[in-house]
C-alpha atoms as a PDB file:
ATOM      1  CA  UNK A   1     138.356 -50.757  29.122  1.00  0.00           C
ATOM      2  CA  UNK A   2     140.989 -48.232  29.269  1.00  0.00           C
ATOM      3  CA  UNK A   3     143.404 -48.230  32.352  1.00  0.00           C
ATOM      4  CA  UNK A   4     143.229 -45.451  34.620  1.00  0.00           C
ATOM      5  CA  UNK A   5     146.573 -43.599  34.900  1.00  0.00           C
ATOM      6  CA  UNK A   6     147.743 -42.690  38.418  1.00  0.00           C
ATOM      7  CA  UNK A   7     149.237 -38.969  38.177  1.00  0.00           C
ATOM      8  CA  UNK A   8     152.494 -38.149  39.861  1.00  0.00           C
ATOM      9  CA  UNK A   9     150.764 -36.217  42.492  1.00  0.00           C
ATOM     10  CA  UNK A  10     148.823 -39.204  43.744  1.00  0.00           C
ATOM     11  CA  UNK A  11     152.232 -41.342  43.693  1.00  0.00           C
ATOM     12  CA  UNK A  12     153.981 -38.780  45.883  1.00  0.00           C
ATOM     13  CA  UNK A  13     151.092 -38.564  48.092  1.00  0.00           C
ATOM     14  CA  UNK A  14     151.052 -42.389  48.769  1.00  0.00           C
ATOM     15  CA  UNK A  15     154.931 -42.414  49.249  1.00  0.00           C
ATOM     16  CA  UNK A  16     154.720 -39.383  51.810  1.00  0.00           C
ATOM     17  CA  UNK A  17     151.836 -41.249  53.748  1.00  0.00           C
ATOM     18  CA  UNK A  18     153.913 -44.622  53.874  1.00  0.00           C
ATOM     19  CA  UNK A  19     156.955 -42.874  55.173  1.00  0.00           C
ATOM     20  CA  UNK A  20     155.175 -41.042  57.661  1.00  0.00           C
ATOM     21  CA  UNK A  21     153.439 -44.452  58.869  1.00  0.00           C
ATOM     22  CA  UNK A  22     156.874 -46.041  58.767  1.00  0.00           C
ATOM     23  CA  UNK A  23     158.289 -43.230  60.927  1.00  0.00           C
ATOM     24  CA  UNK A  24     155.678 -43.226  63.426  1.00  0.00           C
ATOM     25  CA  UNK A  25     156.132 -47.047  63.877  1.00  0.00           C
ATOM     26  CA  UNK A  26     159.744 -46.578  64.512  1.00  0.00           C
ATOM     27  CA  UNK A  27     159.227 -43.607  66.985  1.00  0.00           C
ATOM     28  CA  UNK A  28     156.581 -45.858  68.732  1.00  0.00           C
ATOM     29  CA  UNK A  29     158.921 -48.753  68.726  1.00  0.00           C
ATOM     30  CA  UNK A  30     161.782 -46.548  70.277  1.00  0.00           C
ATOM     31  CA  UNK A  31     159.357 -45.283  73.056  1.00  0.00           C
ATOM     32  CA  UNK A  32     158.289 -48.833  73.876  1.00  0.00           C
ATOM     33  CA  UNK A  33     161.887 -49.939  73.832  1.00  0.00           C
ATOM     34  CA  UNK A  34     163.202 -47.026  76.042  1.00  0.00           C
ATOM     35  CA  UNK A  35     160.459 -47.667  78.635  1.00  0.00           C
ATOM     36  CA  UNK A  36     161.203 -51.278  78.829  1.00  0.00           C
ATOM     37  CA  UNK A  37     164.904 -50.462  79.472  1.00  0.00           C
ATOM     38  CA  UNK A  38     163.756 -48.042  82.152  1.00  0.00           C
ATOM     39  CA  UNK A  39     161.849 -50.621  83.870  1.00  0.00           C
ATOM     40  CA  UNK A  40     164.848 -52.782  83.962  1.00  0.00           C
ATOM     41  CA  UNK A  41     166.988 -49.874  85.207  1.00  0.00           C
ATOM     42  CA  UNK A  42     164.820 -49.593  87.971  1.00  0.00           C
ATOM     43  CA  UNK A  43     164.696 -53.332  88.877  1.00  0.00           C
ATOM     44  CA  UNK A  44     168.639 -53.405  88.855  1.00  0.00           C
ATOM     45  CA  UNK A  45     168.470 -50.251  91.263  1.00  0.00           C
ATOM     46  CA  UNK A  46     166.365 -52.495  93.408  1.00  0.00           C
ATOM     47  CA  UNK A  47     168.829 -55.411  93.265  1.00  0.00           C
ATOM     48  CA  UNK A  48     171.513 -52.892  93.849  1.00  0.00           C
ATOM     49  CA  UNK A  49     170.041 -51.880  97.071  1.00  0.00           C
ATOM     50  CA  UNK A  50     169.816 -55.505  98.156  1.00  0.00           C
ATOM     51  CA  UNK A  51     173.379 -56.346  97.335  1.00  0.00           C
ATOM     52  CA  UNK A  52     174.439 -53.242  99.585  1.00  0.00           C
ATOM     53  CA  UNK A  53     172.197 -54.596 102.446  1.00  0.00           C
ATOM     54  CA  UNK A  54     173.917 -57.945 101.948  1.00  0.00           C
ATOM     55  CA  UNK A  55     177.129 -56.317 102.289  1.00  0.00           C
ATOM     56  CA  UNK A  56     176.149 -54.430 105.430  1.00  0.00           C
ATOM     57  CA  UNK A  57     174.718 -57.646 106.803  1.00  0.00           C
ATOM     58  CA  UNK A  58     177.849 -59.333 106.618  1.00  0.00           C
ATOM     59  CA  UNK A  59     179.473 -56.759 109.297  1.00  0.00           C
ATOM     60  CA  UNK A  60     176.979 -58.371 111.909  1.00  0.00           C
ATOM     61  CA  UNK A  61     179.240 -61.325 111.964  1.00  0.00           C
ATOM     62  CA  UNK A  62     181.470 -59.923 114.568  1.00  0.00           C
ATOM     63  CA  UNK A  63     178.650 -58.782 116.746  1.00  0.00           C
ATOM     64  CA  UNK A  64     175.794 -61.352 116.279  1.00  0.00           C
ATOM     65  CA  UNK A  65     177.745 -64.472 115.067  1.00  0.00           C
ATOM     66  CA  UNK A  66     176.900 -66.834 112.484  1.00  0.00           C
ATOM     67  CA  UNK A  67     173.845 -68.498 114.083  1.00  0.00           C
ATOM     68  CA  UNK A  68     172.196 -65.071 114.029  1.00  0.00           C
ATOM     69  CA  UNK A  69     173.593 -63.727 110.796  1.00  0.00           C
ATOM     70  CA  UNK A  70     173.457 -66.594 108.298  1.00  0.00           C
ATOM     71  CA  UNK A  71     169.760 -66.786 108.267  1.00  0.00           C
ATOM     72  CA  UNK A  72     169.518 -63.153 107.664  1.00  0.00           C
ATOM     73  CA  UNK A  73     172.202 -63.431 104.821  1.00  0.00           C
ATOM     74  CA  UNK A  74     170.417 -66.370 103.413  1.00  0.00           C
ATOM     75  CA  UNK A  75     167.073 -64.699 103.062  1.00  0.00           C
ATOM     76  CA  UNK A  76     168.445 -61.392 101.508  1.00  0.00           C
ATOM     77  CA  UNK A  77     170.542 -63.544  98.895  1.00  0.00           C
ATOM     78  CA  UNK A  78     167.310 -65.354  98.352  1.00  0.00           C
ATOM     79  CA  UNK A  79     165.717 -62.042  97.359  1.00  0.00           C
ATOM     80  CA  UNK A  80     168.740 -61.292  95.218  1.00  0.00           C
ATOM     81  CA  UNK A  81     168.693 -64.490  93.282  1.00  0.00           C
ATOM     82  CA  UNK A  82     165.203 -63.994  92.393  1.00  0.00           C
ATOM     83  CA  UNK A  83     165.163 -60.328  91.226  1.00  0.00           C
ATOM     84  CA  UNK A  84     168.648 -60.860  89.289  1.00  0.00           C
ATOM     85  CA  UNK A  85     167.126 -63.923  87.595  1.00  0.00           C
ATOM     86  CA  UNK A  86     163.972 -61.810  86.446  1.00  0.00           C
ATOM     87  CA  UNK A  87     166.292 -59.045  84.998  1.00  0.00           C
ATOM     88  CA  UNK A  88     168.670 -61.409  83.227  1.00  0.00           C
ATOM     89  CA  UNK A  89     165.242 -62.917  81.334  1.00  0.00           C
ATOM     90  CA  UNK A  90     164.004 -59.256  80.616  1.00  0.00           C
ATOM     91  CA  UNK A  91     167.332 -58.322  79.052  1.00  0.00           C
ATOM     92  CA  UNK A  92     167.437 -61.796  77.069  1.00  0.00           C
ATOM     93  CA  UNK A  93     164.102 -60.974  75.605  1.00  0.00           C
ATOM     94  CA  UNK A  94     164.894 -57.280  74.981  1.00  0.00           C
ATOM     95  CA  UNK A  95     167.972 -58.470  73.213  1.00  0.00           C
ATOM     96  CA  UNK A  96     166.257 -60.676  70.697  1.00  0.00           C
ATOM     97  CA  UNK A  97     166.669 -59.709  66.948  1.00  0.00           C
ATOM     98  CA  UNK A  98     164.816 -56.931  66.003  1.00  0.00           C
ATOM     99  CA  UNK A  99     163.890 -55.776  69.586  1.00  0.00           C
ATOM    100  CA  UNK A 100     166.582 -53.205  70.526  1.00  0.00           C
ATOM    101  CA  UNK A 101     166.452 -49.631  69.127  1.00  0.00           C
ATOM    102  CA  UNK A 102     168.546 -47.919  71.650  1.00  0.00           C
ATOM    103  CA  UNK A 103     171.490 -50.419  71.391  1.00  0.00           C
ATOM    104  CA  UNK A 104     174.015 -48.126  73.275  1.00  0.00           C
ATOM    105  CA  UNK A 105     171.767 -47.714  76.263  1.00  0.00           C
ATOM    106  CA  UNK A 106     171.131 -51.621  76.158  1.00  0.00           C
ATOM    107  CA  UNK A 107     174.712 -52.457  76.124  1.00  0.00           C
ATOM    108  CA  UNK A 108     175.423 -50.018  78.978  1.00  0.00           C
ATOM    109  CA  UNK A 109     172.724 -51.643  80.823  1.00  0.00           C
ATOM    110  CA  UNK A 110     174.154 -55.199  80.370  1.00  0.00           C
ATOM    111  CA  UNK A 111     177.323 -53.923  81.407  1.00  0.00           C
ATOM    112  CA  UNK A 112     175.937 -52.634  84.700  1.00  0.00           C
ATOM    113  CA  UNK A 113     173.860 -55.823  84.986  1.00  0.00           C
ATOM    114  CA  UNK A 114     177.110 -58.088  84.443  1.00  0.00           C
ATOM    115  CA  UNK A 115     179.033 -55.951  87.151  1.00  0.00           C
ATOM    116  CA  UNK A 116     176.029 -56.553  89.493  1.00  0.00           C
ATOM    117  CA  UNK A 117     176.161 -60.266  88.765  1.00  0.00           C
ATOM    118  CA  UNK A 118     179.860 -60.529  89.597  1.00  0.00           C
ATOM    119  CA  UNK A 119     179.298 -58.627  92.916  1.00  0.00           C
ATOM    120  CA  UNK A 120     176.486 -61.187  93.600  1.00  0.00           C
ATOM    121  CA  UNK A 121     178.739 -63.958  92.727  1.00  0.00           C
ATOM    122  CA  UNK A 122     181.191 -62.870  95.126  1.00  0.00           C
ATOM    123  CA  UNK A 123     178.953 -62.463  98.099  1.00  0.00           C
ATOM    124  CA  UNK A 124     177.389 -65.818  97.388  1.00  0.00           C
ATOM    125  CA  UNK A 125     180.904 -67.440  97.495  1.00  0.00           C
ATOM    126  CA  UNK A 126     181.601 -65.567 100.749  1.00  0.00           C
ATOM    127  CA  UNK A 127     178.116 -66.790 102.215  1.00  0.00           C
ATOM    128  CA  UNK A 128     178.976 -70.326 100.976  1.00  0.00           C
ATOM    129  CA  UNK A 129     182.164 -70.151 103.195  1.00  0.00           C
ATOM    130  CA  UNK A 130     181.077 -68.446 106.081  1.00  0.00           C
ATOM    131  CA  UNK A 131     177.514 -70.256 106.363  1.00  0.00           C
ATOM    132  CA  UNK A 132     178.291 -73.470 104.613  1.00  0.00           C
ATOM    133  CA  UNK A 133     175.531 -72.659 102.577  1.00  0.00           C
ATOM    134  CA  UNK A 134     174.406 -75.822 100.567  1.00  0.00           C
ATOM    135  CA  UNK A 135     174.146 -74.405  97.059  1.00  0.00           C
ATOM    136  CA  UNK A 136     175.861 -74.854  93.775  1.00  0.00           C
ATOM    137  CA  UNK A 137     177.485 -71.875  91.831  1.00  0.00           C
ATOM    138  CA  UNK A 138     177.869 -71.614  87.974  1.00  0.00           C
ATOM    139  CA  UNK A 139     179.740 -68.878  86.229  1.00  0.00           C
ATOM    140  CA  UNK A 140     178.324 -69.165  82.562  1.00  0.00           C
ATOM    141  CA  UNK A 141     180.461 -67.282  79.791  1.00  0.00           C
ATOM    142  CA  UNK A 142     178.988 -67.169  76.548  1.00  0.00           C
ATOM    143  CA  UNK A 143     179.313 -65.148  73.296  1.00  0.00           C
ATOM    144  CA  UNK A 144     177.145 -64.174  70.453  1.00  0.00           C
ATOM    145  CA  UNK A 145     179.132 -66.200  67.827  1.00  0.00           C
ATOM    146  CA  UNK A 146     179.034 -69.411  69.475  1.00  0.00           C
ATOM    147  CA  UNK A 147     177.433 -72.329  68.157  1.00  0.00           C
ATOM    148  CA  UNK A 148     176.319 -74.078  71.563  1.00  0.00           C
ATOM    149  CA  UNK A 149     175.786 -71.139  73.874  1.00  0.00           C
ATOM    150  CA  UNK A 150     172.123 -70.877  73.175  1.00  0.00           C
ATOM    151  CA  UNK A 151     171.758 -74.538  73.856  1.00  0.00           C
ATOM    152  CA  UNK A 152     173.842 -74.560  76.941  1.00  0.00           C
ATOM    153  CA  UNK A 153     171.749 -71.517  78.236  1.00  0.00           C
ATOM    154  CA  UNK A 154     168.589 -73.450  77.551  1.00  0.00           C
ATOM    155  CA  UNK A 155     169.871 -76.288  79.834  1.00  0.00           C
ATOM    156  CA  UNK A 156     171.066 -74.039  82.506  1.00  0.00           C
ATOM    157  CA  UNK A 157     167.627 -72.172  82.490  1.00  0.00           C
ATOM    158  CA  UNK A 158     165.954 -75.628  82.908  1.00  0.00           C
ATOM    159  CA  UNK A 159     167.959 -76.725  85.902  1.00  0.00           C
ATOM    160  CA  UNK A 160     167.711 -73.341  87.497  1.00  0.00           C
ATOM    161  CA  UNK A 161     164.012 -73.739  87.310  1.00  0.00           C
ATOM    162  CA  UNK A 162     164.519 -77.336  88.795  1.00  0.00           C
ATOM    163  CA  UNK A 163     166.535 -76.692  91.355  1.00  0.00           C
ATOM    164  CA  UNK A 164     165.748 -73.008  92.447  1.00  0.00           C
ATOM    165  CA  UNK A 165     167.980 -71.419  95.338  1.00  0.00           C
ATOM    166  CA  UNK A 166     170.096 -74.678  95.418  1.00  0.00           C
ATOM    167  CA  UNK A 167     171.582 -73.499  92.194  1.00  0.00           C
ATOM    168  CA  UNK A 168     172.953 -70.205  91.459  1.00  0.00           C
ATOM    169  CA  UNK A 169     173.914 -69.509  88.005  1.00  0.00           C
ATOM    170  CA  UNK A 170     175.759 -66.177  86.872  1.00  0.00           C
ATOM    171  CA  UNK A 171     175.670 -65.624  83.072  1.00  0.00           C
ATOM    172  CA  UNK A 172     178.086 -63.186  81.970  1.00  0.00           C
ATOM    173  CA  UNK A 173     178.678 -61.923  78.286  1.00  0.00           C
ATOM    174  CA  UNK A 174     182.020 -62.426  77.160  1.00  0.00           C
ATOM    175  CA  UNK A 175     181.740 -60.018  74.269  1.00  0.00           C
ATOM    176  CA  UNK A 176     181.157 -56.909  76.756  1.00  0.00           C
ATOM    177  CA  UNK A 177     184.127 -54.919  77.352  1.00  0.00           C
ATOM    178  CA  UNK A 178     183.828 -54.850  81.164  1.00  0.00           C
ATOM    179  CA  UNK A 179     186.665 -55.027  83.545  1.00  0.00           C
ATOM    180  CA  UNK A 180     184.946 -57.316  85.854  1.00  0.00           C
ATOM    181  CA  UNK A 181     184.030 -59.683  83.239  1.00  0.00           C
ATOM    182  CA  UNK A 182     187.557 -59.832  81.531  1.00  0.00           C
ATOM    183  CA  UNK A 183     189.244 -60.203  84.981  1.00  0.00           C
ATOM    184  CA  UNK A 184     187.264 -63.106  85.614  1.00  0.00           C
ATOM    185  CA  UNK A 185     188.099 -64.572  82.006  1.00  0.00           C
ATOM    186  CA  UNK A 186     191.811 -64.002  82.534  1.00  0.00           C
ATOM    187  CA  UNK A 187     191.826 -65.577  85.884  1.00  0.00           C
ATOM    188  CA  UNK A 188     190.250 -68.873  84.805  1.00  0.00           C
ATOM    189  CA  UNK A 189     191.970 -68.481  81.428  1.00  0.00           C
ATOM    190  CA  UNK A 190     188.676 -68.848  79.502  1.00  0.00           C
ATOM    191  CA  UNK A 191     189.253 -69.021  75.690  1.00  0.00           C
ATOM    192  CA  UNK A 192     186.388 -71.341  74.393  1.00  0.00           C
ATOM    193  CA  UNK A 193     182.683 -70.909  74.494  1.00  0.00           C
ATOM    194  CA  UNK A 194     180.580 -71.807  76.355  1.00  0.00           C
ATOM    195  CA  UNK A 195     182.424 -72.216  79.502  1.00  0.00           C
ATOM    196  CA  UNK A 196     181.367 -73.165  82.887  1.00  0.00           C
ATOM    197  CA  UNK A 197     183.054 -72.509  86.182  1.00  0.00           C
ATOM    198  CA  UNK A 198     181.325 -74.800  88.660  1.00  0.00           C
ATOM    199  CA  UNK A 199     182.328 -74.029  92.448  1.00  0.00           C
ATOM    200  CA  UNK A 200     185.754 -72.644  91.194  1.00  0.00           C
ATOM    201  CA  UNK A 201     186.389 -75.330  88.462  1.00  0.00           C
ATOM    202  CA  UNK A 202     186.653 -74.587  84.976  1.00  0.00           C
ATOM    203  CA  UNK A 203     184.604 -76.873  82.444  1.00  0.00           C
ATOM    204  CA  UNK A 204     185.097 -75.617  78.494  1.00  0.00           C
ATOM    205  CA  UNK A 205     182.568 -76.523  75.973  1.00  0.00           C
ATOM    206  CA  UNK A 206     178.953 -77.723  75.941  1.00  0.00           C
ATOM    207  CA  UNK A 207     177.581 -79.919  78.523  1.00  0.00           C
ATOM    208  CA  UNK A 208     174.283 -81.969  78.347  1.00  0.00           C
ATOM    209  CA  UNK A 209     171.825 -81.998  81.286  1.00  0.00           C
ATOM    210  CA  UNK A 210     173.047 -85.207  82.481  1.00  0.00           C
ATOM    211  CA  UNK A 211     176.602 -84.189  82.413  1.00  0.00           C
ATOM    212  CA  UNK A 212     176.018 -81.016  84.280  1.00  0.00           C
ATOM    213  CA  UNK A 213     173.877 -83.105  86.990  1.00  0.00           C
ATOM    214  CA  UNK A 214     176.969 -85.202  87.488  1.00  0.00           C
ATOM    215  CA  UNK A 215     179.283 -82.312  87.765  1.00  0.00           C
ATOM    216  CA  UNK A 216     176.687 -80.767  90.241  1.00  0.00           C
ATOM    217  CA  UNK A 217     176.370 -83.845  92.073  1.00  0.00           C
ATOM    218  CA  UNK A 218     172.628 -83.633  91.635  1.00  0.00           C
ATOM    219  CA  UNK A 219     171.868 -87.029  89.962  1.00  0.00           C
ATOM    220  CA  UNK A 220     169.831 -88.237  93.067  1.00  0.00           C
ATOM    221  CA  UNK A 221     167.581 -85.163  92.936  1.00  0.00           C
END
């Protein structure tokens, strides 16, 4: 039986249709990606308002005293803690390989999120000092080219879910050219990754779950 020969017009038409389908898929992916980033931006604006309220509430100390002000600050901090954790999870999911089409917008958003986290960390440290808050804080510095950073992040996520508001974790991307992140890295002299700053003390390298529990004094929980 003789083979049917495909003419040049049929081949060209097939190629054009394939290209249009591919382009349509790319445009749809970009649109969905942009929509997701927009949702994260809105979430960040909400958290920023919480942080601003937190800063304002600190002024109440001089008038109301710590007995009235500390419960108010603790409640606001709990809201910030929950919202910022959710934003971090969304950014991590969005940043997985193959998910980011608008990379410039994504890195800009990550920079804004890092500055928000640093502000949140500073306020949390202030609250611990003024209100004797029973919570541990961890600054977690990571890089993309880091063998154990993913493992460290997984353990920190597990501990965060386990201990909730008693453990405040601030994950900062050291690859970002952000002044606030770089300032903290310079202050704590961080040149190895992963690195953890637990209640102001530097711990370089990877730490297991049990090691972290010991550092955090959470073994009895």
